[in-house]
């Protein structure tokens, strides 16, 4: 039997890498969810068509500042991005997208209090922005406020126009793993997998859950798809080694272990393999 004592931390590490890489994309998606930067209400189909002439000069300046801030954020220049967001909010204090981005920046700067204030302001201005709801849910999950986090994810997924459902389902599933809700996590991750089977974070966490309940064939299915592609990492190769070992596939174990030692020789996983510590 494999004891997955490090599984939760590995899942969080995997998700955090992907989330940080995609964080700016969530902000951009949030901008797309408004028409020319003008927030829409829930009865959008009754609203008049919004054109550039309807947009205030303040909103136009704020949008430009947010675009600059996104670029700095993507380049890991969080403090510079924050300064741009501050100027955006001077130009337009009611620009929800600026508060959403500010929340992500404060998360990166490890200031959860100001991050929460930012997301709450964004949601107050635009309660139907799924990106802000998603981001707030992830912040709450990191603070182990799991029930509150699930409320935000559920609210985001309830918005029919939301196009990044797989990301929220993935994040919801990982949060449920952290909360010890394995059955709920499996349901969320399976839904995410239906929408985005190529996402390595979804596949890794499904493989991990299957291994925890000793369903080795299903665990093999999910982890092999990752390890046979470009997204293989020390964590996925190590899980693959343990799964194939349980299935007595000695050739597969040797092949995966070889990759692990060759590509990630200094990793915790490679060291555990060398020591024969398969419970790590």
Protein backbone atom coordinates (compact mmCIF):
# COMPACT_ATOMS: atom_id res chain seq x y z
CA UNK A 1 0.00 0.00 0.00
CA UNK A 2 1.30 3.47 -0.86
CA UNK A 3 1.04 6.12 1.82
CA UNK A 4 0.59 9.47 0.08
CA UNK A 5 1.72 11.63 3.00
CA UNK A 6 3.01 14.40 0.71
CA UNK A 7 0.13 14.32 -1.75
CA UNK A 8 -1.71 17.39 -0.57
CA UNK A 9 1.38 19.60 -0.62
CA UNK A 10 2.38 18.29 -4.05
CA UNK A 11 -1.08 19.02 -5.42
CA UNK A 12 -0.93 22.55 -4.08
CA UNK A 13 2.54 23.09 -5.51
CA UNK A 14 1.42 21.88 -8.93
CA UNK A 15 -1.69 24.05 -8.92
CA UNK A 16 0.14 27.11 -7.64
CA UNK A 17 2.62 26.95 -10.52
CA UNK A 18 -0.15 26.76 -13.10
CA UNK A 19 -2.30 29.34 -11.34
CA UNK A 20 0.49 31.90 -11.11
CA UNK A 21 1.33 31.41 -14.79
CA UNK A 22 -2.31 31.90 -15.77
CA UNK A 23 -3.30 34.58 -13.27
CA UNK A 24 -2.99 37.43 -15.73
CA UNK A 25 -5.13 35.48 -18.18
CA UNK A 26 -7.93 35.48 -15.61
CA UNK A 27 -7.69 39.25 -15.43
CA UNK A 28 -7.75 39.61 -19.20
CA UNK A 29 -10.74 37.30 -19.35
CA UNK A 30 -12.44 39.52 -16.82
CA UNK A 31 -11.83 42.52 -19.07
CA UNK A 32 -13.38 40.64 -21.97
CA UNK A 33 -16.46 39.99 -19.86
CA UNK A 34 -17.28 43.69 -20.01
CA UNK A 35 -18.26 45.57 -23.12
CA UNK A 36 -15.60 48.16 -23.87
CA UNK A 37 -14.81 48.36 -20.17
CA UNK A 38 -18.35 49.29 -19.14
CA UNK A 39 -19.75 46.94 -16.52
CA UNK A 40 -22.93 45.15 -17.47
CA UNK A 41 -25.82 44.30 -15.21
CA UNK A 42 -27.64 40.97 -15.05
CA UNK A 43 -30.27 42.14 -17.55
CA UNK A 44 -27.69 42.70 -20.30
CA UNK A 45 -30.02 41.69 -23.11
CA UNK A 46 -32.23 44.68 -22.27
CA UNK A 47 -29.33 47.15 -22.14
CA UNK A 48 -28.49 49.36 -25.12
CA UNK A 49 -25.48 48.52 -27.26
CA UNK A 50 -22.40 50.17 -25.76
CA UNK A 51 -19.92 51.86 -28.09
CA UNK A 52 -16.57 53.59 -27.53
CA UNK A 53 -18.29 56.98 -27.28
CA UNK A 54 -20.22 55.77 -24.21
CA UNK A 55 -16.99 55.11 -22.34
CA UNK A 56 -15.74 57.85 -20.04
CA UNK A 57 -12.25 59.26 -20.36
CA UNK A 58 -11.53 58.02 -16.87
CA UNK A 59 -12.48 54.45 -17.81
CA UNK A 60 -10.32 54.63 -20.93
CA UNK A 61 -7.31 55.76 -18.89
CA UNK A 62 -8.00 53.10 -16.29
CA UNK A 63 -8.13 50.36 -18.93
CA UNK A 64 -4.78 51.42 -20.36
CA UNK A 65 -3.23 51.38 -16.89
CA UNK A 66 -4.63 47.91 -16.19
CA UNK A 67 -3.25 46.62 -19.49
CA UNK A 68 0.18 47.94 -18.49
CA UNK A 69 -0.22 46.39 -15.04
CA UNK A 70 -1.04 42.99 -16.54
CA UNK A 71 2.17 43.13 -18.57
CA UNK A 72 4.26 43.94 -15.50
CA UNK A 73 2.46 41.24 -13.52
CA UNK A 74 3.28 38.65 -16.18
CA UNK A 75 6.94 39.72 -15.94
CA UNK A 76 6.92 39.18 -12.14
CA UNK A 77 7.22 42.92 -11.47
CA UNK A 78 4.47 42.96 -8.89
CA UNK A 79 5.25 46.31 -7.25
CA UNK A 80 5.39 48.09 -10.61
CA UNK A 81 2.11 46.43 -11.57
CA UNK A 82 0.59 47.58 -8.28
CA UNK A 83 1.58 51.16 -8.99
CA UNK A 84 -0.14 51.00 -12.38
CA UNK A 85 -3.29 49.61 -10.76
CA UNK A 86 -3.27 52.42 -8.22
CA UNK A 87 -3.18 54.95 -11.04
CA UNK A 88 -5.99 53.09 -12.80
CA UNK A 89 -8.15 53.43 -9.70
CA UNK A 90 -7.36 57.13 -9.46
CA UNK A 91 -8.66 57.49 -13.01
CA UNK A 92 -11.72 55.34 -12.32
CA UNK A 93 -12.43 54.23 -8.73
CA UNK A 94 -15.29 51.99 -9.93
CA UNK A 95 -13.30 49.78 -12.33
CA UNK A 96 -13.87 46.23 -11.07
CA UNK A 97 -11.13 44.70 -13.22
CA UNK A 98 -8.53 46.90 -11.53
CA UNK A 99 -9.57 45.63 -8.10
CA UNK A 100 -9.48 42.04 -9.36
CA UNK A 101 -5.93 42.47 -10.61
CA UNK A 102 -4.98 44.28 -7.42
CA UNK A 103 -6.13 41.23 -5.48
CA UNK A 104 -3.88 38.94 -7.53
CA UNK A 105 -0.95 41.29 -7.03
CA UNK A 106 -1.43 41.35 -3.28
CA UNK A 107 -1.65 37.55 -3.29
CA UNK A 108 1.73 37.44 -4.99
CA UNK A 109 3.06 39.97 -2.47
CA UNK A 110 1.78 37.70 0.33
CA UNK A 111 -0.69 40.20 1.74
CA UNK A 112 -3.94 38.21 2.08
CA UNK A 113 -5.77 40.97 3.92
CA UNK A 114 -5.41 43.51 1.14
CA UNK A 115 -5.99 40.78 -1.46
CA UNK A 116 -9.32 39.91 0.15
CA UNK A 117 -10.34 43.57 0.33
CA UNK A 118 -9.55 43.91 -3.38
CA UNK A 119 -11.56 40.89 -4.46
CA UNK A 120 -14.51 41.90 -2.30
CA UNK A 121 -14.49 45.35 -3.90
CA UNK A 122 -14.33 43.81 -7.38
CA UNK A 123 -17.28 41.54 -6.64
CA UNK A 124 -19.29 44.37 -5.07
CA UNK A 125 -18.87 46.36 -8.30
CA UNK A 126 -19.56 43.38 -10.57
CA UNK A 127 -21.20 40.47 -8.68
CA UNK A 128 -21.36 38.37 -11.86
CA UNK A 129 -17.67 38.44 -12.73
CA UNK A 130 -16.66 34.76 -12.53
CA UNK A 131 -12.95 35.60 -12.64
CA UNK A 132 -13.08 37.67 -9.46
CA UNK A 133 -15.22 35.00 -7.79
CA UNK A 134 -12.71 32.33 -8.81
CA UNK A 135 -9.73 34.33 -7.57
CA UNK A 136 -11.40 35.12 -4.27
CA UNK A 137 -12.25 31.44 -3.84
CA UNK A 138 -8.61 30.45 -4.36
CA UNK A 139 -7.48 33.02 -1.79
CA UNK A 140 -9.98 31.67 0.74
CA UNK A 141 -8.82 28.12 0.05
CA UNK A 142 -5.22 29.08 0.76
CA UNK A 143 -6.41 30.45 4.10
CA UNK A 144 -8.16 27.10 4.81
CA UNK A 145 -11.56 28.80 4.76
CA UNK A 146 -12.87 25.92 2.71
CA UNK A 147 -16.63 26.42 3.04
CA UNK A 148 -16.34 30.07 2.04
CA UNK A 149 -14.09 29.12 -0.87
CA UNK A 150 -16.63 26.61 -2.18
CA UNK A 151 -19.31 29.30 -2.14
CA UNK A 152 -17.20 31.46 -4.43
CA UNK A 153 -16.41 28.60 -6.82
CA UNK A 154 -20.08 27.60 -6.95
CA UNK A 155 -21.09 31.19 -7.70
CA UNK A 156 -18.55 31.42 -10.52
CA UNK A 157 -19.67 28.13 -12.06
CA UNK A 158 -23.32 29.21 -11.90
CA UNK A 159 -22.71 32.01 -14.41
CA UNK A 160 -23.80 30.63 -17.83
CA UNK A 161 -21.42 32.81 -19.86
CA UNK A 162 -18.32 31.67 -17.96
CA UNK A 163 -15.81 30.14 -20.39
CA UNK A 164 -13.04 29.08 -17.95
CA UNK A 165 -15.12 26.51 -16.12
CA UNK A 166 -12.39 23.85 -16.27
CA UNK A 167 -9.98 26.07 -14.32
CA UNK A 168 -12.51 26.73 -11.58
CA UNK A 169 -13.51 23.07 -11.39
CA UNK A 170 -9.81 22.16 -11.16
CA UNK A 171 -9.18 24.69 -8.40
CA UNK A 172 -12.33 23.63 -6.60
CA UNK A 173 -11.18 20.01 -6.74
CA UNK A 174 -7.73 20.77 -5.35
CA UNK A 175 -9.31 22.87 -2.60
CA UNK A 176 -11.57 19.95 -1.72
CA UNK A 177 -8.51 17.68 -1.52
CA UNK A 178 -6.93 20.13 0.92
CA UNK A 179 -10.16 20.05 2.93
CA UNK A 180 -10.12 16.24 3.04
CA UNK A 181 -13.23 15.96 0.85
CA UNK A 182 -11.97 13.29 -1.53
CA UNK A 183 -15.28 12.21 -3.05
CA UNK A 184 -16.28 15.79 -3.77
CA UNK A 185 -12.81 16.47 -5.17
CA UNK A 186 -13.05 13.52 -7.51
CA UNK A 187 -16.39 14.73 -8.86
CA UNK A 188 -15.04 18.23 -9.47
CA UNK A 189 -11.85 17.00 -11.12
CA UNK A 190 -13.69 14.53 -13.36
CA UNK A 191 -15.89 17.37 -14.62
CA UNK A 192 -12.76 19.45 -15.20
CA UNK A 193 -11.13 16.55 -17.05
CA UNK A 194 -14.12 16.30 -19.40
CA UNK A 195 -13.52 19.91 -20.39
CA UNK A 196 -9.70 19.90 -20.44
CA UNK A 197 -8.20 16.41 -20.57
CA UNK A 198 -4.78 17.78 -21.46
CA UNK A 199 -4.37 19.79 -18.26
CA UNK A 200 -1.58 18.11 -16.25
CA UNK A 201 -2.74 19.49 -12.91
CA UNK A 202 -6.17 17.91 -13.34
CA UNK A 203 -4.67 14.59 -14.46
CA UNK A 204 -2.10 14.53 -11.65
CA UNK A 205 -4.67 15.12 -8.94
CA UNK A 206 -7.03 12.52 -10.35
CA UNK A 207 -4.17 10.00 -10.47
CA UNK A 208 -3.28 10.86 -6.90
CA UNK A 209 -6.87 10.33 -5.72
CA UNK A 210 -7.09 6.99 -7.52
CA UNK A 211 -3.80 5.87 -5.98
CA UNK A 212 -5.00 6.84 -2.51
CA UNK A 213 -7.96 4.49 -2.88
CA UNK A 214 -5.69 1.87 -4.51
CA UNK A 215 -7.46 1.94 -7.86
CA UNK A 216 -4.15 1.40 -9.64
CA UNK A 217 -5.50 0.89 -13.17
CA UNK A 218 -7.29 4.24 -13.17
CA UNK A 219 -4.34 5.94 -11.53
CA UNK A 220 -2.13 4.51 -14.28
CA UNK A 221 -4.46 5.85 -16.97
CA UNK A 222 -4.26 9.43 -15.73
CA UNK A 223 -0.59 9.55 -14.79
CA UNK A 224 0.65 7.87 -17.98
CA UNK A 225 -1.01 10.53 -20.11
CA UNK A 226 1.05 13.16 -18.31
CA UNK A 227 4.35 11.28 -18.20
CA UNK A 228 4.13 10.43 -21.90
CA UNK A 229 3.95 14.13 -22.77
CA UNK A 230 5.92 17.35 -22.29
CA UNK A 231 4.36 18.18 -18.92
CA UNK A 232 6.10 15.44 -16.94
CA UNK A 233 7.69 16.69 -13.72
CA UNK A 234 9.49 15.16 -10.77
CA UNK A 235 6.15 14.83 -8.96
CA UNK A 236 4.35 13.13 -11.84
CA UNK A 237 7.23 10.76 -12.62
CA UNK A 238 7.50 9.76 -8.98
CA UNK A 239 3.78 9.07 -8.74
CA UNK A 240 4.08 7.07 -11.96
CA UNK A 241 6.89 4.99 -10.45
CA UNK A 242 4.77 4.17 -7.40
CA UNK A 243 1.70 3.30 -9.47
CA UNK A 244 3.61 1.04 -11.88
CA UNK A 245 5.36 -0.62 -8.93
CA UNK A 246 1.98 -1.54 -7.44
CA UNK A 247 0.99 -3.05 -10.80
CA UNK A 248 4.30 -4.96 -10.91
CA UNK A 249 5.30 -3.30 -14.20
CA UNK A 250 9.05 -3.52 -13.64
CA UNK A 251 9.99 -2.24 -17.08
CA UNK A 252 7.79 0.85 -16.67
CA UNK A 253 9.23 1.46 -13.20
CA UNK A 254 12.77 1.33 -14.57
CA UNK A 255 11.93 3.65 -17.45
CA UNK A 256 10.18 6.26 -15.28
CA UNK A 257 12.85 6.10 -12.60
CA UNK A 258 15.49 6.63 -15.26
CA UNK A 259 13.73 9.77 -16.44
CA UNK A 260 13.38 10.99 -12.88
CA UNK A 261 17.07 10.56 -12.10
CA UNK A 262 18.23 11.96 -15.42
CA UNK A 263 15.99 15.00 -15.62
CA UNK A 264 15.56 15.84 -11.92
CA UNK A 265 18.62 14.37 -10.17
CA UNK A 266 18.51 16.74 -7.19
CA UNK A 267 14.77 16.52 -6.58
CA UNK A 268 13.27 15.18 -3.38
CA UNK A 269 11.57 12.51 -5.46
CA UNK A 270 14.80 11.27 -7.07
CA UNK A 271 16.48 11.07 -3.67
CA UNK A 272 13.52 9.12 -2.27
CA UNK A 273 13.77 6.64 -5.15
CA UNK A 274 17.50 6.14 -4.57
CA UNK A 275 16.79 5.40 -0.92
CA UNK A 276 13.92 3.05 -1.79
CA UNK A 277 11.52 5.18 0.23
CA UNK A 278 8.33 4.54 -1.71
CA UNK A 279 6.15 5.91 1.09
CA UNK A 280 7.50 9.43 0.59
